[in-house]
């Protein structure tokens, strides 16, 4: 069982309860009044509400039928970047702000209001939720979403049952607006169950789906509070996630299903850190398996959660059995999708999807220049990226985590590496990393909150017939600053470690 013994410190390095001192000033100086920091949180919350209201009102000009060339995309991007900047600024105040119950309630309340406003706005530049609504209806009515192709269901014919065709007609605009309608679903079985829950609540309803997402989202917040309390940290750190403008935009305006994964992942971490008892570890890996049943990416965290159990064979066996058992059921459910060939959404996503990527694009550029690659450049590049990720995971688990902090920090780096190496770096994929940044906030990665909204400029350039300006130009503005800051952080960490080793050596030889 992990126990955090690190004392709570302020940003200046003083332990809680000490007076701050400035080096060379000969004595103590007063910090700004506590009320000042509270006012900053109040102002930041009001500004985020104002910007959120502006985006909600602007959403009316982004209807499904509206030409993107006529939509105020650049204004949208400016508002999202401004929201990201406010979010980043208030995060710099967390360590200096006493977390009283009133301020925590304010933080929760602002986050709830932002979500409610987004839930009743027009979806902006995204339509993935139509696939969720269609899949939920298909499963709720007893059909297999892994073999039901929306285009075929809408058109009818000998390959489609009368009941499925009738369901497509009943869905109205939903089946007509599913993107990539010639493909069956690419979402795993647990995700399909979540979609079906929304359909049972209210058929074909985006509002019902958003309310389901809100339930998952609030559980995520409660788990963040629980883990922060376990670490002895301020609950205001939850604002890294709860006030993040990308969570509001991608989770509740665009209604992306990635929100539903997070409580399963955090629940897995919670049980893993709770104790080394067999039932807790089995629960942890079982939840991680369920998370992979929504989207497959959480499997990358399995080696990290299993690493502390290497010296406990029985717990290791139970946890591994729970994970592999759940994963086996998921793979079995996906078998019909593998048999579809060209109409398999799952295979199409894994083999061909590429969007808003920078590092993967660089890998592709190198791979394409290899004479033996030929038409398999995409698969080879994916293999290279997977190999780099495997190396990072191997480095992360080569030693047992030294405590709760270390475990969460390593989980953050693994998910961040997964995102940065991915062929598809949509803004909503950043939500995978965000909960771990609550516990290991890195300025380099938090910067993505303000930079990823640049992705939406792609719709502007595509409408003008100039999409290559984004794909090979602007996309680098999203990621190069992040890589540069990561390099600076790495250099500083290396210099700090070198200095610490030198001091230890000097103490040992004194």
Protein backbone atom coordinates (compact mmCIF):
# COMPACT_ATOMS: atom_id res chain seq x y z
CA UNK A 1 0.00 0.00 0.00
CA UNK A 2 1.37 3.40 -0.94
CA UNK A 3 1.62 6.10 1.70
CA UNK A 4 2.53 9.68 0.84
CA UNK A 5 4.77 11.23 3.47
CA UNK A 6 5.76 14.36 1.60
CA UNK A 7 4.74 17.47 3.57
CA UNK A 8 2.48 20.01 1.92
CA UNK A 9 4.55 22.96 0.77
CA UNK A 10 3.81 26.31 -0.74
CA UNK A 11 5.37 27.36 -4.04
CA UNK A 12 8.17 29.19 -2.23
CA UNK A 13 9.24 25.94 -0.58
CA UNK A 14 7.99 26.76 2.93
CA UNK A 15 6.08 24.10 4.80
CA UNK A 16 2.45 24.80 5.51
CA UNK A 17 2.17 27.17 8.45
CA UNK A 18 5.61 28.81 7.96
CA UNK A 19 6.13 32.45 6.97
CA UNK A 20 7.64 33.05 3.56
CA UNK A 21 11.21 34.37 3.38
CA UNK A 22 13.06 35.95 0.51
CA UNK A 23 16.73 34.96 0.08
CA UNK A 24 19.07 37.73 1.08
CA UNK A 25 16.31 39.89 2.52
CA UNK A 26 17.18 39.11 6.07
CA UNK A 27 13.77 38.22 7.32
CA UNK A 28 10.21 37.26 6.75
CA UNK A 29 7.93 39.01 4.31
CA UNK A 30 4.20 38.79 4.11
CA UNK A 31 2.48 36.96 1.31
CA UNK A 32 -0.48 38.70 -0.35
CA UNK A 33 -3.65 38.38 1.70
CA UNK A 34 -5.58 35.15 1.33
CA UNK A 35 -8.57 37.16 0.16
CA UNK A 36 -6.56 38.35 -2.88
CA UNK A 37 -6.17 34.81 -4.14
CA UNK A 38 -9.87 34.08 -3.57
CA UNK A 39 -10.78 37.16 -5.61
CA UNK A 40 -8.56 35.92 -8.43
CA UNK A 41 -10.52 32.65 -8.49
CA UNK A 42 -13.82 34.55 -8.49
CA UNK A 43 -12.69 36.76 -11.38
CA UNK A 44 -11.32 33.80 -13.34
CA UNK A 45 -14.59 31.91 -12.89
CA UNK A 46 -16.64 34.88 -14.08
CA UNK A 47 -14.38 35.37 -17.12
CA UNK A 48 -14.67 31.67 -18.01
CA UNK A 49 -18.46 31.92 -17.70
CA UNK A 50 -18.48 34.96 -19.99
CA UNK A 51 -16.30 33.25 -22.60
CA UNK A 52 -18.37 30.07 -22.31
CA UNK A 53 -21.57 32.09 -22.86
CA UNK A 54 -20.01 33.72 -25.92
CA UNK A 55 -19.16 30.29 -27.37
CA UNK A 56 -22.66 28.98 -26.60
CA UNK A 57 -24.26 31.96 -28.38
CA UNK A 58 -21.81 31.62 -31.27
CA UNK A 59 -22.76 27.95 -31.65
CA UNK A 60 -26.02 28.99 -33.34
CA UNK A 61 -23.95 29.89 -36.38
CA UNK A 62 -22.54 26.35 -36.66
CA UNK A 63 -25.62 24.36 -37.63
CA UNK A 64 -25.20 21.03 -39.43
CA UNK A 65 -26.37 22.45 -42.76
CA UNK A 66 -24.33 25.66 -42.58
CA UNK A 67 -21.34 25.99 -44.90
CA UNK A 68 -18.13 26.21 -42.88
CA UNK A 69 -16.96 29.07 -45.09
CA UNK A 70 -19.78 31.14 -43.57
CA UNK A 71 -19.10 30.11 -39.96
CA UNK A 72 -17.08 32.33 -37.58
CA UNK A 73 -14.41 29.67 -37.04
CA UNK A 74 -11.56 32.11 -36.39
CA UNK A 75 -13.61 33.86 -33.70
CA UNK A 76 -14.39 30.47 -32.14
CA UNK A 77 -10.69 29.58 -32.06
CA UNK A 78 -9.86 32.96 -30.49
CA UNK A 79 -12.46 32.44 -27.75
CA UNK A 80 -11.21 28.91 -27.01
CA UNK A 81 -7.59 30.08 -26.85
CA UNK A 82 -8.60 32.94 -24.53
CA UNK A 83 -10.45 30.47 -22.30
CA UNK A 84 -7.37 28.24 -22.27
CA UNK A 85 -5.16 31.18 -21.29
CA UNK A 86 -7.45 32.10 -18.36
CA UNK A 87 -7.46 28.47 -17.27
CA UNK A 88 -3.66 28.30 -17.35
CA UNK A 89 -3.33 31.55 -15.41
CA UNK A 90 -5.59 30.45 -12.55
CA UNK A 91 -3.73 27.15 -12.28
CA UNK A 92 -0.61 29.11 -11.28
CA UNK A 93 -2.50 30.25 -8.17
CA UNK A 94 -3.48 26.84 -6.82
CA UNK A 95 -0.47 26.35 -4.56
CA UNK A 96 -0.90 29.80 -3.01
CA UNK A 97 -4.64 29.63 -2.46
CA UNK A 98 -6.03 28.17 0.79
CA UNK A 99 -8.70 25.66 -0.14
CA UNK A 100 -11.67 26.59 2.02
CA UNK A 101 -15.03 24.95 1.49
CA UNK A 102 -16.54 28.08 -0.07
CA UNK A 103 -13.86 28.29 -2.74
CA UNK A 104 -14.13 24.58 -3.56
CA UNK A 105 -17.90 24.99 -3.90
CA UNK A 106 -17.28 27.95 -6.22
CA UNK A 107 -14.95 25.85 -8.35
CA UNK A 108 -17.52 23.02 -8.58
CA UNK A 109 -20.38 25.41 -9.30
CA UNK A 110 -18.59 27.24 -12.12
CA UNK A 111 -17.71 23.91 -13.72
CA UNK A 112 -21.32 22.73 -13.52
CA UNK A 113 -22.67 25.96 -15.05
CA UNK A 114 -20.14 25.76 -17.89
CA UNK A 115 -21.24 22.19 -18.61
CA UNK A 116 -24.94 23.00 -18.51
CA UNK A 117 -24.42 25.92 -20.91
CA UNK A 118 -22.50 23.70 -23.32
CA UNK A 119 -25.09 20.90 -23.10
CA UNK A 120 -27.80 23.20 -24.43
CA UNK A 121 -25.71 24.73 -27.22
CA UNK A 122 -25.46 23.69 -30.85
CA UNK A 123 -22.66 21.15 -31.49
CA UNK A 124 -19.76 23.00 -33.10
CA UNK A 125 -17.85 21.45 -36.03
CA UNK A 126 -18.32 17.87 -34.77
CA UNK A 127 -20.80 15.13 -35.57
CA UNK A 128 -19.39 11.97 -33.93
CA UNK A 129 -22.37 11.90 -31.59
CA UNK A 130 -24.64 10.80 -34.45
CA UNK A 131 -22.66 7.55 -34.56
CA UNK A 132 -23.13 7.13 -30.80
CA UNK A 133 -26.89 7.68 -31.10
CA UNK A 134 -27.14 5.25 -34.02
CA UNK A 135 -25.06 2.55 -32.32
CA UNK A 136 -27.08 2.93 -29.11
CA UNK A 137 -30.34 2.49 -30.99
CA UNK A 138 -29.03 -0.53 -32.90
CA UNK A 139 -27.92 -2.34 -29.73
CA UNK A 140 -31.01 -1.32 -27.75
CA UNK A 141 -33.18 -2.97 -30.39
CA UNK A 142 -31.20 -6.21 -30.37
CA UNK A 143 -29.02 -5.74 -33.47
CA UNK A 144 -25.24 -6.10 -33.65
CA UNK A 145 -23.57 -2.68 -34.13
CA UNK A 146 -20.37 -4.40 -35.32
CA UNK A 147 -22.10 -5.75 -38.41
CA UNK A 148 -24.75 -3.05 -38.98
CA UNK A 149 -23.57 -0.53 -41.58
CA UNK A 150 -25.60 2.71 -41.37
CA UNK A 151 -25.60 3.34 -45.11
CA UNK A 152 -26.95 -0.15 -45.85
CA UNK A 153 -29.55 0.10 -43.08
CA UNK A 154 -30.82 3.42 -44.46
CA UNK A 155 -31.05 2.16 -48.03
CA UNK A 156 -32.53 -1.25 -47.19
CA UNK A 157 -32.16 -4.18 -49.57
CA UNK A 158 -31.64 -7.94 -49.38
CA UNK A 159 -28.63 -7.68 -47.00
CA UNK A 160 -30.63 -5.72 -44.39
CA UNK A 161 -33.54 -7.00 -42.31
CA UNK A 162 -36.83 -5.13 -42.50
CA UNK A 163 -36.60 -4.39 -38.78
CA UNK A 164 -33.17 -2.73 -39.08
CA UNK A 165 -34.33 -0.70 -42.08
CA UNK A 166 -37.40 0.39 -40.10
CA UNK A 167 -35.11 1.41 -37.23
CA UNK A 168 -33.05 3.53 -39.62
CA UNK A 169 -36.20 5.26 -40.85
CA UNK A 170 -37.31 5.82 -37.24
CA UNK A 171 -33.99 7.52 -36.41
CA UNK A 172 -34.76 10.32 -38.85
CA UNK A 173 -31.74 12.55 -39.48
CA UNK A 174 -29.50 10.51 -37.17
CA UNK A 175 -28.66 7.72 -39.62
CA UNK A 176 -28.31 10.25 -42.46
CA UNK A 177 -25.71 12.26 -40.53
CA UNK A 178 -23.49 9.43 -39.26
CA UNK A 179 -19.99 10.15 -40.51
CA UNK A 180 -18.32 7.43 -42.57
CA UNK A 181 -21.72 5.73 -43.01
CA UNK A 182 -20.22 3.02 -45.23
CA UNK A 183 -18.36 1.64 -42.19
CA UNK A 184 -19.69 -0.31 -39.23
CA UNK A 185 -18.85 1.03 -35.79
CA UNK A 186 -15.28 1.35 -34.49
CA UNK A 187 -16.31 1.59 -30.82
CA UNK A 188 -15.78 -1.43 -28.49
CA UNK A 189 -18.53 -3.30 -26.59
CA UNK A 190 -18.59 -1.37 -23.30
CA UNK A 191 -18.96 1.87 -25.24
CA UNK A 192 -21.91 0.30 -27.04
CA UNK A 193 -23.58 -0.44 -23.70
CA UNK A 194 -23.14 3.20 -22.66
CA UNK A 195 -24.67 4.36 -25.95
CA UNK A 196 -27.61 1.99 -25.37
CA UNK A 197 -28.21 3.43 -21.89
CA UNK A 198 -28.67 6.87 -23.43
CA UNK A 199 -31.07 5.40 -26.01
CA UNK A 200 -33.15 3.71 -23.33
CA UNK A 201 -33.33 7.03 -21.48
CA UNK A 202 -34.56 8.92 -24.56
CA UNK A 203 -34.28 7.48 -28.08
CA UNK A 204 -32.13 9.44 -30.54
CA UNK A 205 -31.68 12.26 -28.02
CA UNK A 206 -28.44 14.25 -27.88
CA UNK A 207 -29.54 15.75 -24.56
CA UNK A 208 -29.92 12.28 -23.03
CA UNK A 209 -26.44 11.37 -24.25
CA UNK A 210 -24.99 14.55 -22.77
CA UNK A 211 -26.64 13.81 -19.42
CA UNK A 212 -25.09 10.33 -19.44
CA UNK A 213 -21.71 11.96 -20.07
CA UNK A 214 -22.31 14.38 -17.20
CA UNK A 215 -22.90 11.46 -14.83
CA UNK A 216 -19.57 9.92 -15.83
CA UNK A 217 -17.90 13.32 -15.62
CA UNK A 218 -19.10 13.97 -12.08
CA UNK A 219 -17.84 10.56 -10.95
CA UNK A 220 -14.48 11.57 -12.43
CA UNK A 221 -14.51 14.72 -10.28
CA UNK A 222 -15.29 12.71 -7.13
CA UNK A 223 -12.41 10.33 -7.87
CA UNK A 224 -10.06 13.26 -8.43
CA UNK A 225 -11.06 14.66 -5.03
CA UNK A 226 -10.55 11.26 -3.40
CA UNK A 227 -7.07 10.82 -4.87
CA UNK A 228 -6.07 14.41 -4.01
CA UNK A 229 -7.17 13.84 -0.44
CA UNK A 230 -5.15 10.63 -0.37
CA UNK A 231 -2.10 12.63 -1.46
CA UNK A 232 -2.77 15.40 1.06
CA UNK A 233 -3.12 18.02 -1.68
CA UNK A 234 -5.50 20.89 -2.17
CA UNK A 235 -8.81 19.95 -3.83
CA UNK A 236 -8.36 23.04 -6.00
CA UNK A 237 -5.98 20.99 -8.15
CA UNK A 238 -9.13 19.38 -9.57
CA UNK A 239 -9.60 22.65 -11.50
CA UNK A 240 -6.94 21.36 -13.89
CA UNK A 241 -9.69 19.09 -15.18
CA UNK A 242 -12.95 20.61 -13.98
CA UNK A 243 -12.34 24.10 -15.41
CA UNK A 244 -10.52 23.01 -18.55
CA UNK A 245 -12.22 24.63 -21.59
CA UNK A 246 -11.43 21.61 -23.76
CA UNK A 247 -13.42 19.35 -21.41
CA UNK A 248 -16.38 21.71 -21.79
CA UNK A 249 -16.09 22.03 -25.57
CA UNK A 250 -15.23 18.44 -26.45
CA UNK A 251 -17.16 16.68 -23.70
CA UNK A 252 -20.40 18.64 -23.58
CA UNK A 253 -20.73 20.78 -26.67
CA UNK A 254 -19.35 18.20 -29.11
CA UNK A 255 -20.44 15.33 -26.80
CA UNK A 256 -17.40 13.12 -27.39
CA UNK A 257 -17.56 9.80 -25.60
CA UNK A 258 -14.01 9.97 -24.22
CA UNK A 259 -15.45 11.47 -21.03
CA UNK A 260 -16.96 8.05 -20.23
CA UNK A 261 -13.53 6.36 -20.09
CA UNK A 262 -12.08 8.52 -17.34
CA UNK A 263 -13.92 7.23 -14.23
CA UNK A 264 -12.99 3.66 -15.16
CA UNK A 265 -9.31 4.60 -15.52
CA UNK A 266 -9.24 6.63 -12.30
CA UNK A 267 -11.21 3.91 -10.51
CA UNK A 268 -8.58 1.40 -11.61
CA UNK A 269 -5.84 3.65 -10.22
CA UNK A 270 -7.78 4.14 -6.97
CA UNK A 271 -8.16 0.41 -6.30
CA UNK A 272 -4.55 -0.22 -7.33
CA UNK A 273 -3.33 2.31 -4.75
CA UNK A 274 -5.86 1.38 -2.08
CA UNK A 275 -4.10 -1.74 -0.89
CA UNK A 276 -2.22 -4.79 -2.15
CA UNK A 277 -5.06 -7.13 -1.26
CA UNK A 278 -5.97 -9.52 -4.04
CA UNK A 279 -9.56 -8.29 -4.39
CA UNK A 280 -8.49 -4.64 -4.73
CA UNK A 281 -5.88 -5.44 -7.35
CA UNK A 282 -8.32 -7.65 -9.27
CA UNK A 283 -10.89 -4.83 -9.14
CA UNK A 284 -8.27 -2.37 -10.42
CA UNK A 285 -7.35 -4.44 -13.45
CA UNK A 286 -10.97 -5.40 -14.06
CA UNK A 287 -11.91 -1.70 -14.22
CA UNK A 288 -8.98 -1.05 -16.53
CA UNK A 289 -10.29 -3.81 -18.78
CA UNK A 290 -13.72 -2.16 -18.80
CA UNK A 291 -12.05 1.15 -19.71
CA UNK A 292 -10.42 -0.62 -22.65
CA UNK A 293 -13.92 -1.77 -23.58
CA UNK A 294 -14.82 1.88 -24.24
CA UNK A 295 -11.64 2.70 -26.12
CA UNK A 296 -8.62 0.44 -26.28
CA UNK A 297 -5.96 2.92 -25.20
CA UNK A 298 -6.09 2.20 -21.40
CA UNK A 299 -4.32 -1.14 -22.03
CA UNK A 300 -1.06 0.86 -22.05
CA UNK A 301 -1.47 1.41 -18.29
CA UNK A 302 -1.75 -2.30 -17.45
CA UNK A 303 2.03 -2.89 -17.08
CA UNK A 304 2.26 0.06 -14.67
CA UNK A 305 -0.59 -1.15 -12.47
CA UNK A 306 0.80 -4.68 -12.46
CA UNK A 307 4.39 -3.65 -11.69
CA UNK A 308 4.00 -3.37 -7.87
CA UNK A 309 2.58 -6.92 -7.81
CA UNK A 310 5.69 -8.62 -9.20
CA UNK A 311 6.70 -9.56 -5.65
CA UNK A 312 3.19 -10.85 -4.83
CA UNK A 313 2.50 -13.75 -7.22
CA UNK A 314 -1.05 -14.46 -6.05
CA UNK A 315 -2.18 -10.86 -6.40
CA UNK A 316 -0.39 -10.65 -9.76
CA UNK A 317 -2.16 -13.77 -11.01
CA UNK A 318 -5.60 -12.56 -9.85
CA UNK A 319 -5.16 -9.09 -11.32
CA UNK A 320 -3.83 -10.46 -14.62
CA UNK A 321 -6.72 -12.94 -14.83
CA UNK A 322 -9.27 -10.16 -14.22
CA UNK A 323 -7.72 -7.95 -16.90
CA UNK A 324 -7.26 -10.67 -19.50
CA UNK A 325 -10.71 -12.07 -18.82
CA UNK A 326 -12.44 -8.74 -19.48
CA UNK A 327 -10.17 -8.07 -22.46
CA UNK A 328 -10.94 -11.52 -23.87
CA UNK A 329 -14.68 -10.85 -23.78
CA UNK A 330 -14.11 -7.53 -25.56
CA UNK A 331 -12.01 -9.12 -28.31
CA UNK A 332 -14.57 -11.91 -28.74
CA UNK A 333 -17.32 -9.32 -29.24
CA UNK A 334 -15.20 -7.56 -31.87
CA UNK A 335 -14.65 -10.67 -34.02
CA UNK A 336 -17.65 -9.93 -36.31
CA UNK A 337 -16.14 -6.53 -37.05
CA UNK A 338 -12.84 -8.10 -38.16
CA UNK A 339 -14.76 -10.25 -40.68
CA UNK A 340 -16.30 -7.24 -42.44
CA UNK A 341 -13.12 -6.33 -44.30
CA UNK A 342 -13.45 -2.96 -46.06
CA UNK A 343 -16.60 -2.01 -44.14
CA UNK A 344 -15.05 -2.62 -40.70
CA UNK A 345 -14.80 0.66 -38.85
CA UNK A 346 -12.46 -0.90 -36.33
CA UNK A 347 -9.93 -2.01 -38.97
CA UNK A 348 -10.24 1.25 -40.93
CA UNK A 349 -9.46 3.30 -37.84
CA UNK A 350 -6.46 1.18 -36.88
CA UNK A 351 -4.94 1.05 -40.36
CA UNK A 352 -5.70 4.35 -42.08
CA UNK A 353 -6.92 7.14 -39.77
CA UNK A 354 -4.54 10.11 -39.51
CA UNK A 355 -5.41 13.65 -38.45
CA UNK A 356 -3.95 16.69 -36.65
CA UNK A 357 -0.69 14.85 -35.99
CA UNK A 358 2.80 16.29 -36.02
CA UNK A 359 5.24 13.78 -34.53
CA UNK A 360 3.59 10.88 -36.37
CA UNK A 361 3.70 12.92 -39.58
CA UNK A 362 7.46 13.31 -39.07
CA UNK A 363 7.77 9.54 -38.59
CA UNK A 364 5.75 9.00 -41.79
CA UNK A 365 8.02 11.41 -43.67
CA UNK A 366 11.07 9.34 -42.69
CA UNK A 367 9.42 5.97 -43.31
CA UNK A 368 8.27 6.91 -46.81
CA UNK A 369 11.86 7.48 -47.81
CA UNK A 370 12.80 3.89 -47.04
CA UNK A 371 13.04 2.01 -50.38
CA UNK A 372 11.51 -1.25 -49.11
CA UNK A 373 8.35 0.23 -47.52
CA UNK A 374 6.27 0.94 -50.62
CA UNK A 375 2.50 1.03 -50.04
CA UNK A 376 2.84 -0.09 -46.40
CA UNK A 377 4.23 3.22 -45.11
CA UNK A 378 1.25 3.87 -42.83
CA UNK A 379 1.46 0.45 -41.15
CA UNK A 380 5.25 0.68 -40.79
CA UNK A 381 4.99 4.16 -39.27
CA UNK A 382 2.36 2.90 -36.84
CA UNK A 383 4.71 0.09 -35.92
CA UNK A 384 7.54 2.54 -35.28
CA UNK A 385 5.29 4.73 -33.10
CA UNK A 386 4.11 1.64 -31.20
CA UNK A 387 7.71 0.59 -30.68
CA UNK A 388 8.64 4.00 -29.24
CA UNK A 389 5.62 3.87 -26.94
CA UNK A 390 6.56 0.34 -25.81
CA UNK A 391 10.07 1.60 -25.00
CA UNK A 392 8.63 4.45 -22.91
CA UNK A 393 6.33 2.04 -21.06
CA UNK A 394 9.29 -0.26 -20.45
CA UNK A 395 11.30 2.60 -18.96
CA UNK A 396 8.33 3.59 -16.80
CA UNK A 397 7.97 0.13 -15.26
CA UNK A 398 11.61 -0.95 -15.02
CA UNK A 399 11.51 -0.05 -11.33
CA UNK A 400 8.62 -0.28 -8.91
CA UNK A 401 6.91 3.10 -8.28
CA UNK A 402 8.17 4.75 -5.10
CA UNK A 403 4.76 5.94 -3.95
CA UNK A 404 1.41 7.33 -5.01
CA UNK A 405 3.00 10.47 -6.52
CA UNK A 406 5.40 8.41 -8.57
CA UNK A 407 2.70 6.04 -9.81
CA UNK A 408 0.47 8.89 -11.00
CA UNK A 409 3.41 10.72 -12.56
CA UNK A 410 4.38 7.67 -14.57
CA UNK A 411 0.77 7.16 -15.67
CA UNK A 412 0.76 10.76 -16.88
CA UNK A 413 3.91 10.27 -18.95
CA UNK A 414 2.63 7.05 -20.51
CA UNK A 415 -0.70 8.60 -21.56
CA UNK A 416 1.06 11.78 -22.75
CA UNK A 417 3.43 9.69 -24.89
CA UNK A 418 0.46 7.80 -26.30
CA UNK A 419 -1.24 11.07 -27.26
CA UNK A 420 1.86 12.72 -28.74
CA UNK A 421 2.74 9.63 -30.81
CA UNK A 422 -0.79 8.98 -32.03
CA UNK A 423 -1.64 9.26 -35.75
CA UNK A 424 -4.86 10.97 -34.64
CA UNK A 425 -4.35 13.82 -32.17
CA UNK A 426 -7.84 15.21 -31.93
CA UNK A 427 -8.35 17.77 -29.12
CA UNK A 428 -10.72 15.38 -27.30
CA UNK A 429 -7.94 12.76 -27.11
CA UNK A 430 -6.09 15.19 -24.85
CA UNK A 431 -8.75 14.41 -22.23
CA UNK A 432 -6.98 11.07 -21.72
CA UNK A 433 -3.98 12.88 -20.24
CA UNK A 434 -5.78 15.63 -18.36
CA UNK A 435 -6.84 13.75 -15.18
CA UNK A 436 -3.23 12.71 -14.56
CA UNK A 437 -2.08 16.32 -14.99
CA UNK A 438 -4.17 17.06 -11.88
CA UNK A 439 -1.55 15.15 -9.88
CA UNK A 440 1.53 15.87 -12.01
CA UNK A 441 0.92 19.27 -13.65
CA UNK A 442 3.51 19.93 -16.36
CA UNK A 443 3.43 23.39 -17.96
CA UNK A 444 4.49 21.89 -21.29
CA UNK A 445 1.51 19.55 -21.48
CA UNK A 446 -0.96 21.99 -19.92
CA UNK A 447 -0.04 24.39 -22.71
CA UNK A 448 -2.04 22.15 -25.05
CA UNK A 449 -5.20 23.53 -23.40
CA UNK A 450 -4.60 26.81 -25.21
CA UNK A 451 -2.97 25.42 -28.38
CA UNK A 452 -5.19 22.50 -29.42
CA UNK A 453 -8.13 24.79 -30.38
CA UNK A 454 -6.03 25.70 -33.43
CA UNK A 455 -7.24 22.36 -34.80
CA UNK A 456 -10.57 23.93 -35.69
CA UNK A 457 -8.86 26.21 -38.20
CA UNK A 458 -8.63 23.12 -40.39
CA UNK A 459 -12.37 23.42 -41.09
CA UNK A 460 -11.83 27.03 -42.18
CA UNK A 461 -9.04 26.18 -44.60
CA UNK A 462 -10.87 23.11 -45.87
CA UNK A 463 -13.90 25.25 -46.71
CA UNK A 464 -11.59 27.52 -48.70
CA UNK A 465 -9.99 24.58 -50.50
CA UNK A 466 -6.66 25.25 -48.78
CA UNK A 467 -6.53 22.45 -46.20
CA UNK A 468 -2.84 21.80 -46.93
CA UNK A 469 -2.02 25.12 -45.20
CA UNK A 470 -3.26 23.59 -41.98
CA UNK A 471 -2.08 20.00 -42.44
CA UNK A 472 1.52 20.97 -43.21
CA UNK A 473 1.81 24.36 -41.57
CA UNK A 474 -0.48 25.46 -38.75
CA UNK A 475 -0.52 22.00 -37.14
CA UNK A 476 3.10 22.57 -36.09
CA UNK A 477 2.03 25.62 -34.06
CA UNK A 478 0.04 23.27 -31.84
CA UNK A 479 2.95 21.03 -30.92
CA UNK A 480 6.35 22.68 -31.46
CA UNK A 481 5.93 24.98 -28.40
CA UNK A 482 5.01 21.90 -26.34
CA UNK A 483 8.10 19.98 -27.49
CA UNK A 484 10.34 22.97 -26.82
CA UNK A 485 8.98 23.39 -23.30
CA UNK A 486 9.28 19.64 -22.73
CA UNK A 487 12.95 19.88 -23.73
CA UNK A 488 13.49 22.77 -21.30
CA UNK A 489 11.77 20.85 -18.49
CA UNK A 490 13.87 17.79 -19.27
CA UNK A 491 17.09 19.80 -19.22
CA UNK A 492 16.15 21.40 -15.90
CA UNK A 493 15.26 18.03 -14.40
CA UNK A 494 18.57 16.57 -15.58
CA UNK A 495 20.52 19.50 -14.14
CA UNK A 496 18.65 19.20 -10.82
CA UNK A 497 19.34 15.47 -10.64
CA UNK A 498 23.01 15.97 -11.47
CA UNK A 499 23.31 18.64 -8.77
CA UNK A 500 21.62 16.37 -6.22
CA UNK A 501 23.93 13.46 -7.02
CA UNK A 502 26.93 15.77 -6.71
CA UNK A 503 25.79 16.98 -3.27
CA UNK A 504 25.22 13.40 -2.13
CA UNK A 505 28.71 12.45 -3.31
CA UNK A 506 30.25 15.41 -1.50
CA UNK A 507 28.39 14.52 1.69
CA UNK A 508 29.54 10.93 1.40
CA UNK A 509 33.20 11.86 1.02
CA UNK A 510 33.22 14.59 3.67
